[in-house]
């Protein structure tokens, strides 16, 4: 895990990391957020618990704000200055200075 300067991690936030998480400078992670860099394999050939996990790095660039209870899933990059709304689920990359919300998270605006 790589941690930038002046990162805030709110109460009850969970960083579930098995491979790689990069947090840039001035990142705000609100209470109750969940960030993970791994997931279970989902093949039909065996039970879920028997298949193991796959990992993919998560990168949260400088000056990002994750709203309360946001979820960030494996293999995502949240660009510089982005805002993730409360309860959003980030399943794909977020462009810099973009505001996303919803499940799954989708762009709803830009920072001025």
Protein backbone atom coordinates (compact mmCIF):
# COMPACT_ATOMS: atom_id res chain seq x y z
CA UNK A 1 0.00 0.00 0.00
CA UNK A 2 1.24 3.45 -0.89
CA UNK A 3 -0.11 6.35 1.17
CA UNK A 4 0.22 10.00 0.14
CA UNK A 5 0.38 13.09 2.35
CA UNK A 6 -2.59 14.34 4.35
CA UNK A 7 -4.89 11.38 3.68
CA UNK A 8 -8.04 11.22 5.82
CA UNK A 9 -9.66 7.84 6.49
CA UNK A 10 -13.01 8.14 8.27
CA UNK A 11 -14.36 5.97 11.06
CA UNK A 12 -15.47 2.53 9.96
CA UNK A 13 -13.80 2.74 6.55
CA UNK A 14 -12.32 -0.58 5.44
CA UNK A 15 -9.28 -1.07 3.20
CA UNK A 16 -9.33 -4.77 2.21
CA UNK A 17 -6.05 -5.08 0.31
CA UNK A 18 -4.25 -8.24 -0.80
CA UNK A 19 -2.14 -6.82 -3.64
CA UNK A 20 -1.97 -3.07 -4.30
CA UNK A 21 -3.66 0.16 -3.20
CA UNK A 22 -2.24 3.59 -4.00
CA UNK A 23 -3.72 6.63 -2.25
CA UNK A 24 -2.50 10.00 -3.53
CA UNK A 25 -2.09 13.23 -1.58
CA UNK A 26 -5.04 14.99 0.06
CA UNK A 27 -7.44 12.05 -0.37
CA UNK A 28 -10.60 12.14 1.76
CA UNK A 29 -12.20 8.78 2.52
CA UNK A 30 -15.47 9.36 4.37
CA UNK A 31 -16.80 7.10 7.14
CA UNK A 32 -17.98 3.66 6.11
CA UNK A 33 -16.20 3.45 2.75
CA UNK A 34 -15.01 0.06 1.49
CA UNK A 35 -12.03 -0.33 -0.87
CA UNK A 36 -10.85 -3.72 -2.12
CA UNK A 37 -8.33 -4.88 -4.69
CA UNK A 38 -9.51 -8.49 -4.96
CA UNK A 39 -12.57 -10.58 -5.74
CA UNK A 40 -13.53 -14.25 -5.91
CA UNK A 41 -13.25 -16.14 -9.17
CA UNK A 42 -16.66 -17.10 -10.54
CA UNK A 43 -16.23 -20.15 -12.75
CA UNK A 44 -18.85 -22.89 -12.88
CA UNK A 45 -16.29 -25.71 -12.61
CA UNK A 46 -16.02 -25.62 -8.79
CA UNK A 47 -17.53 -24.06 -5.70
CA UNK A 48 -16.84 -20.36 -5.14
CA UNK A 49 -14.76 -20.96 -2.00
CA UNK A 50 -12.54 -23.46 -3.86
CA UNK A 51 -11.63 -21.13 -6.74
CA UNK A 52 -9.47 -18.59 -4.95
CA UNK A 53 -9.26 -14.89 -5.65
CA UNK A 54 -8.07 -12.55 -8.37
CA UNK A 55 -6.43 -9.20 -7.59
CA UNK A 56 -6.13 -5.96 -9.53
CA UNK A 57 -4.54 -2.72 -8.29
CA UNK A 58 -6.65 0.20 -7.09
CA UNK A 59 -5.30 3.72 -7.63
CA UNK A 60 -6.89 6.78 -6.06
CA UNK A 61 -5.09 9.87 -7.33
CA UNK A 62 -4.51 13.22 -5.57
CA UNK A 63 -7.37 15.38 -4.25
CA UNK A 64 -10.10 12.71 -4.46
CA UNK A 65 -13.12 12.67 -2.13
CA UNK A 66 -14.99 9.43 -1.50
CA UNK A 67 -18.42 10.16 0.02
CA UNK A 68 -19.80 8.17 2.95
CA UNK A 69 -20.18 4.43 2.35
CA UNK A 70 -18.77 4.54 -1.19
CA UNK A 71 -17.41 1.22 -2.50
CA UNK A 72 -14.33 0.99 -4.76
CA UNK A 73 -13.82 -2.35 -6.52
CA UNK A 74 -10.66 -4.02 -7.92
CA UNK A 75 -8.84 -2.69 -10.95
CA UNK A 76 -10.20 0.84 -10.76
CA UNK A 77 -8.42 4.18 -11.03
CA UNK A 78 -10.06 7.30 -9.67
CA UNK A 79 -8.56 10.33 -11.39
CA UNK A 80 -7.16 13.45 -9.78
CA UNK A 81 -9.78 15.72 -8.25
CA UNK A 82 -12.71 13.32 -8.72
CA UNK A 83 -15.63 13.11 -6.29
CA UNK A 84 -17.45 9.85 -5.61
CA UNK A 85 -20.93 10.35 -4.16
CA UNK A 86 -22.19 8.70 -0.99
CA UNK A 87 -23.16 5.02 -1.42
CA UNK A 88 -21.77 4.89 -4.98
CA UNK A 89 -20.14 1.68 -6.24
CA UNK A 90 -17.09 2.32 -8.45
CA UNK A 91 -16.73 -0.54 -10.94
CA UNK A 92 -14.79 1.32 -13.70
CA UNK A 93 -12.19 4.08 -13.92
CA UNK A 94 -13.29 7.61 -13.04
CA UNK A 95 -11.88 10.46 -15.14
CA UNK A 96 -10.08 13.36 -13.42
CA UNK A 97 -12.28 16.17 -12.02
CA UNK A 98 -15.42 14.08 -12.59
CA UNK A 99 -18.27 13.68 -10.09
CA UNK A 100 -19.82 10.20 -10.07
CA UNK A 101 -22.76 8.74 -8.17
CA UNK A 102 -25.02 5.70 -8.18
CA UNK A 103 -24.82 1.94 -8.46
CA UNK A 104 -22.81 1.43 -10.53
CA UNK A 105 -21.16 4.86 -10.33
CA UNK A 106 -21.77 7.03 -13.40
CA UNK A 107 -20.69 10.59 -14.22
CA UNK A 108 -23.16 13.26 -13.05
CA UNK A 109 -20.97 16.34 -13.41
CA UNK A 110 -17.54 17.96 -13.45
CA UNK A 111 -15.71 20.05 -10.89
CA UNK A 112 -15.30 23.67 -11.97
